[in-house]
C-alpha atoms as a PDB file:
ATOM      1  CA  MET A   1     -24.053 194.990 -23.890  1.00  0.00           C
ATOM      2  CA  LYS A   2     -21.031 197.191 -24.852  1.00  0.00           C
ATOM      3  CA  ASN A   3     -22.678 200.355 -25.850  1.00  0.00           C
ATOM      4  CA  SER A   4     -24.068 200.025 -22.739  1.00  0.00           C
ATOM      5  CA  PHE A   5     -21.124 200.307 -20.581  1.00  0.00           C
ATOM      6  CA  TRP A   6     -19.523 203.312 -22.233  1.00  0.00           C
ATOM      7  CA  GLU A   7     -23.296 204.822 -22.129  1.00  0.00           C
ATOM      8  CA  LYS A   8     -22.727 204.209 -18.512  1.00  0.00           C
ATOM      9  CA  ALA A   9     -18.894 205.374 -18.993  1.00  0.00           C
ATOM     10  CA  GLY A  10     -20.208 208.711 -20.963  1.00  0.00           C
ATOM     11  CA  LYS A  11     -22.353 209.631 -17.509  1.00  0.00           C
ATOM     12  CA  ILE A  12     -20.301 209.118 -15.408  1.00  0.00           C
ATOM     13  CA  LEU A  13     -16.823 210.211 -16.357  1.00  0.00           C
ATOM     14  CA  PRO A  14     -17.815 214.048 -16.155  1.00  0.00           C
ATOM     15  CA  VAL A  15     -18.786 213.841 -12.663  1.00  0.00           C
ATOM     16  CA  ILE A  16     -15.671 212.539 -12.132  1.00  0.00           C
ATOM     17  CA  GLY A  17     -13.673 215.057 -13.974  1.00  0.00           C
ATOM     18  CA  ILE A  18     -16.565 217.905 -12.023  1.00  0.00           C
ATOM     19  CA  ILE A  19     -15.030 216.328  -8.891  1.00  0.00           C
ATOM     20  CA  VAL A  20     -11.101 216.545  -9.021  1.00  0.00           C
ATOM     21  CA  ALA A  21     -10.974 220.217 -10.606  1.00  0.00           C
ATOM     22  CA  MET A  22     -13.155 221.139  -7.145  1.00  0.00           C
ATOM     23  CA  GLY A  23     -10.532 219.418  -5.241  1.00  0.00           C
ATOM     24  CA  GLY A  24      -7.922 221.246  -7.244  1.00  0.00           C
ATOM     25  CA  PHE A  25      -9.663 224.637  -6.649  1.00  0.00           C
ATOM     26  CA  PHE A  26     -10.476 223.579  -3.624  1.00  0.00           C
ATOM     27  CA  LEU A  27      -6.463 223.256  -2.755  1.00  0.00           C
ATOM     28  CA  ILE A  28      -5.237 226.240  -4.564  1.00  0.00           C
ATOM     29  CA  TYR A  29      -7.323 227.905  -2.485  1.00  0.00           C
ATOM     30  CA  ARG A  30      -6.427 226.504   0.977  1.00  0.00           C
ATOM     31  CA  ASN A  31      -2.585 227.613   0.189  1.00  0.00           C
ATOM     32  CA  LYS A  32      -3.716 231.631  -0.674  1.00  0.00           C
ATOM     33  CA  ASN A  33      -5.146 231.600   2.274  1.00  0.00           C
ATOM     34  CA  GLN A  34      -2.106 229.353   4.148  1.00  0.00           C
ATOM     35  CA  VAL A  35       0.559 232.185   2.582  1.00  0.00           C
ATOM     36  CA  SER A  36      -1.755 234.923   3.501  1.00  0.00           C
ATOM     37  CA  GLU A  37      -2.411 234.016   6.973  1.00  0.00           C
ATOM     38  CA  THR A  38       1.986 233.466   7.541  1.00  0.00           C
ATOM     39  CA  VAL A  39       2.414 236.371   5.984  1.00  0.00           C
ATOM     40  CA  ARG A  40       0.530 237.860   8.541  1.00  0.00           C
ATOM     41  CA  LEU A  41       2.786 236.092  11.257  1.00  0.00           C
ATOM     42  CA  PRO A  42       3.942 239.168  13.420  1.00  0.00           C
ATOM     43  CA  TYR A  43       8.164 238.645  13.532  1.00  0.00           C
ATOM     44  CA  TYR A  44       9.861 241.411  15.740  1.00  0.00           C
ATOM     45  CA  GLY A  45      13.592 240.101  14.156  1.00  0.00           C
ATOM     46  CA  THR A  46      14.354 240.558  17.974  1.00  0.00           C
ATOM     47  CA  LYS A  47      18.495 240.227  18.210  1.00  0.00           C
ATOM     48  CA  VAL A  48      19.606 237.627  20.975  1.00  0.00           C
ATOM     49  CA  GLU A  49      22.038 239.945  22.023  1.00  0.00           C
ATOM     50  CA  GLN A  50      18.931 242.174  23.500  1.00  0.00           C
ATOM     51  CA  VAL A  51      17.835 239.438  25.228  1.00  0.00           C
ATOM     52  CA  ALA A  52      18.279 239.056  29.216  1.00  0.00           C
ATOM     53  CA  ASP A  53      18.907 235.515  29.880  1.00  0.00           C
ATOM     54  CA  GLY A  54      16.404 233.775  30.875  1.00  0.00           C
ATOM     55  CA  SER A  55      13.432 231.271  29.420  1.00  0.00           C
ATOM     56  CA  TYR A  56      10.659 232.847  27.799  1.00  0.00           C
ATOM     57  CA  GLU A  57       7.529 230.666  26.060  1.00  0.00           C
ATOM     58  CA  GLY A  58       6.018 232.245  22.477  1.00  0.00           C
ATOM     59  CA  LYS A  59       3.019 231.022  20.691  1.00  0.00           C
ATOM     60  CA  ALA A  60       2.389 231.341  17.265  1.00  0.00           C
ATOM     61  CA  TYR A  61      -0.972 229.835  15.444  1.00  0.00           C
ATOM     62  CA  THR A  62      -2.491 229.264  12.246  1.00  0.00           C
ATOM     63  CA  SER A  63      -5.334 227.507  10.795  1.00  0.00           C
ATOM     64  CA  TYR A  64      -3.008 224.966   9.969  1.00  0.00           C
ATOM     65  CA  LEU A  65      -0.492 224.471  12.664  1.00  0.00           C
ATOM     66  CA  HIS A  66       0.079 225.326  16.495  1.00  0.00           C
ATOM     67  CA  VAL A  67       3.281 225.891  18.011  1.00  0.00           C
ATOM     68  CA  GLN A  68       3.985 226.949  21.248  1.00  0.00           C
ATOM     69  CA  LEU A  69       7.919 226.899  22.137  1.00  0.00           C
ATOM     70  CA  LYS A  70       9.866 227.590  25.617  1.00  0.00           C
ATOM     71  CA  VAL A  71      12.889 229.022  24.505  1.00  0.00           C
ATOM     72  CA  THR A  72      16.208 229.493  27.247  1.00  0.00           C
ATOM     73  CA  VAL A  73      18.623 232.134  27.214  1.00  0.00           C
ATOM     74  CA  LYS A  74      21.954 232.299  28.180  1.00  0.00           C
ATOM     75  CA  ASP A  75      24.952 234.444  28.121  1.00  0.00           C
ATOM     76  CA  LYS A  76      23.217 236.358  24.872  1.00  0.00           C
ATOM     77  CA  THR A  77      23.198 232.492  23.769  1.00  0.00           C
ATOM     78  CA  ILE A  78      19.796 230.851  22.129  1.00  0.00           C
ATOM     79  CA  THR A  79      20.694 227.775  24.512  1.00  0.00           C
ATOM     80  CA  ASP A  80      17.749 225.327  24.763  1.00  0.00           C
ATOM     81  CA  ILE A  81      14.454 225.600  22.786  1.00  0.00           C
ATOM     82  CA  GLN A  82      11.939 222.717  24.244  1.00  0.00           C
ATOM     83  CA  VAL A  83       8.360 222.515  21.807  1.00  0.00           C
ATOM     84  CA  ILE A  84       5.539 222.326  24.150  1.00  0.00           C
ATOM     85  CA  GLU A  85       3.287 222.345  21.426  1.00  0.00           C
ATOM     86  CA  ASN A  86       3.858 221.085  17.965  1.00  0.00           C
ATOM     87  CA  GLU A  87      -0.255 220.420  16.399  1.00  0.00           C
ATOM     88  CA  GLY A  88      -1.004 220.274  12.874  1.00  0.00           C
ATOM     89  CA  SER A  89      -0.307 218.042   9.624  1.00  0.00           C
ATOM     90  CA  LYS A  90       3.572 220.202   8.567  1.00  0.00           C
ATOM     91  CA  GLY A  91       4.679 220.726  12.384  1.00  0.00           C
ATOM     92  CA  GLN A  92       7.272 217.430  12.468  1.00  0.00           C
ATOM     93  CA  LYS A  93       9.005 218.469   9.645  1.00  0.00           C
ATOM     94  CA  VAL A  94      10.560 221.545  10.377  1.00  0.00           C
ATOM     95  CA  LEU A  95      12.203 220.380  13.647  1.00  0.00           C
ATOM     96  CA  PRO A  96      15.495 220.828  12.317  1.00  0.00           C
ATOM     97  CA  LEU A  97      14.886 224.501  11.760  1.00  0.00           C
ATOM     98  CA  ILE A  98      15.507 224.401  16.009  1.00  0.00           C
ATOM     99  CA  ASP A  99      18.731 223.104  16.042  1.00  0.00           C
ATOM    100  CA  GLU A 100      19.544 225.651  12.982  1.00  0.00           C
ATOM    101  CA  MET A 101      18.736 228.645  15.494  1.00  0.00           C
ATOM    102  CA  ILE A 102      20.621 227.372  18.037  1.00  0.00           C
ATOM    103  CA  LEU A 103      23.535 226.471  16.293  1.00  0.00           C
ATOM    104  CA  GLN A 104      23.149 230.241  14.734  1.00  0.00           C
ATOM    105  CA  ASN A 105      22.161 231.777  17.470  1.00  0.00           C
ATOM    106  CA  LYS A 106      19.254 233.361  15.283  1.00  0.00           C
ATOM    107  CA  THR A 107      15.659 233.348  14.228  1.00  0.00           C
ATOM    108  CA  SER A 108      16.545 234.183  10.819  1.00  0.00           C
ATOM    109  CA  VAL A 109      17.522 231.503   9.244  1.00  0.00           C
ATOM    110  CA  PRO A 110      16.908 229.443   6.361  1.00  0.00           C
ATOM    111  CA  VAL A 111      13.434 227.341   6.111  1.00  0.00           C
ATOM    112  CA  VAL A 112      13.261 223.962   5.575  1.00  0.00           C
ATOM    113  CA  LYS A 113      12.638 223.380   1.583  1.00  0.00           C
ATOM    114  CA  GLY A 114       9.424 222.143   1.411  1.00  0.00           C
ATOM    115  CA  GLU A 115       7.535 223.585   4.623  1.00  0.00           C
ATOM    116  CA  GLU A 116       8.376 227.160   4.278  1.00  0.00           C
ATOM    117  CA  LEU A 117       5.551 228.047   5.951  1.00  0.00           C
ATOM    118  CA  ALA A 118       5.881 226.438   8.800  1.00  0.00           C
ATOM    119  CA  SER A 119       9.312 226.964   8.937  1.00  0.00           C
ATOM    120  CA  MET A 120       8.033 230.596   8.849  1.00  0.00           C
ATOM    121  CA  VAL A 121       5.401 229.587  11.958  1.00  0.00           C
ATOM    122  CA  PHE A 122       8.425 228.829  13.947  1.00  0.00           C
ATOM    123  CA  ILE A 123      10.271 231.207  13.076  1.00  0.00           C
ATOM    124  CA  SER A 124       7.570 233.798  14.219  1.00  0.00           C
ATOM    125  CA  CYS A 125       7.178 231.484  17.818  1.00  0.00           C
ATOM    126  CA  VAL A 126      10.855 231.428  18.269  1.00  0.00           C
ATOM    127  CA  ASP A 127      11.532 235.460  17.716  1.00  0.00           C
ATOM    128  CA  ASP A 128       7.712 235.719  19.805  1.00  0.00           C
ATOM    129  CA  ALA A 129       9.758 234.154  23.168  1.00  0.00           C
ATOM    130  CA  LEU A 130      12.783 236.120  22.511  1.00  0.00           C
ATOM    131  CA  ARG A 131      10.614 239.348  22.214  1.00  0.00           C
ATOM    132  CA  LYS A 132       9.258 238.695  25.769  1.00  0.00           C
ATOM    133  CA  GLY A 133      12.720 238.963  27.465  1.00  0.00           C
ATOM    134  CA  VAL A 134      13.914 242.023  25.243  1.00  0.00           C
ATOM    135  CA  VAL A 135      15.924 244.154  28.150  1.00  0.00           C
ATOM    136  CA  LEU A 136      14.433 247.244  26.654  1.00  0.00           C
ATOM    137  CA  GLU A 137      17.303 249.815  28.399  1.00  0.00           C
ATOM    138  CA  ASP A 138      19.649 247.598  26.148  1.00  0.00           C
ATOM    139  CA  ALA A 139      18.021 247.606  22.923  1.00  0.00           C
ATOM    140  CA  LEU A 140      17.330 252.330  23.140  1.00  0.00           C
ATOM    141  CA  GLU A 141      20.700 252.252  24.060  1.00  0.00           C
ATOM    142  CA  LYS A 142      21.898 250.623  20.597  1.00  0.00           C
ATOM    143  CA  ASP A 143      19.556 251.943  18.920  1.00  0.00           C
ATOM    144  CA  VAL A 144      20.293 255.615  19.958  1.00  0.00           C
ATOM    145  CA  LYS A 145      23.598 254.734  19.263  1.00  0.00           C
ATOM    146  CA  ALA A 146      23.099 253.383  15.657  1.00  0.00           C
ATOM    147  CA  ASP A 147      20.555 256.757  15.707  1.00  0.00           C
ATOM    148  CA  SER A 148      23.691 258.833  15.905  1.00  0.00           C
ATOM    149  CA  GLU A 149      26.066 256.598  13.881  1.00  0.00           C
ATOM    150  CA  ASP A 150      23.842 257.155  10.567  1.00  0.00           C
ATOM    151  CA  ALA A 151      23.494 260.785  11.830  1.00  0.00           C
ATOM    152  CA  LEU A 152      27.612 261.144  11.379  1.00  0.00           C
END
């Protein structure tokens, strides 16, 4: 009887090992794809000082997180960021990032530890919204002024 148990266990354990290994490879592959996808998100580095007063919507979609936000700017200051859509497994943990962007009045803020990829999706989304409110004349003036100062 004891021999029978060990014979069955000897047949089942390799199958379980293969299943666990396949699951591990899947998780590594998925994470690699998420990193690659996140790196390809647009980030323009939009300065709030270049954005006209108003509310602007931004979107950032990945395979693991869909985010749509409404960003309000008044007097060159981010006054509010509303979540319109936050679909995905990682979106809830990075909501404090929104408060940090409002507090620091910029998109380049420290990411949430352990949720770096989701943080980058939110940052890209806010940047996308701000880009829609850029006043081109102000942006061009600042670029020309910076170029002339660099030449001196």
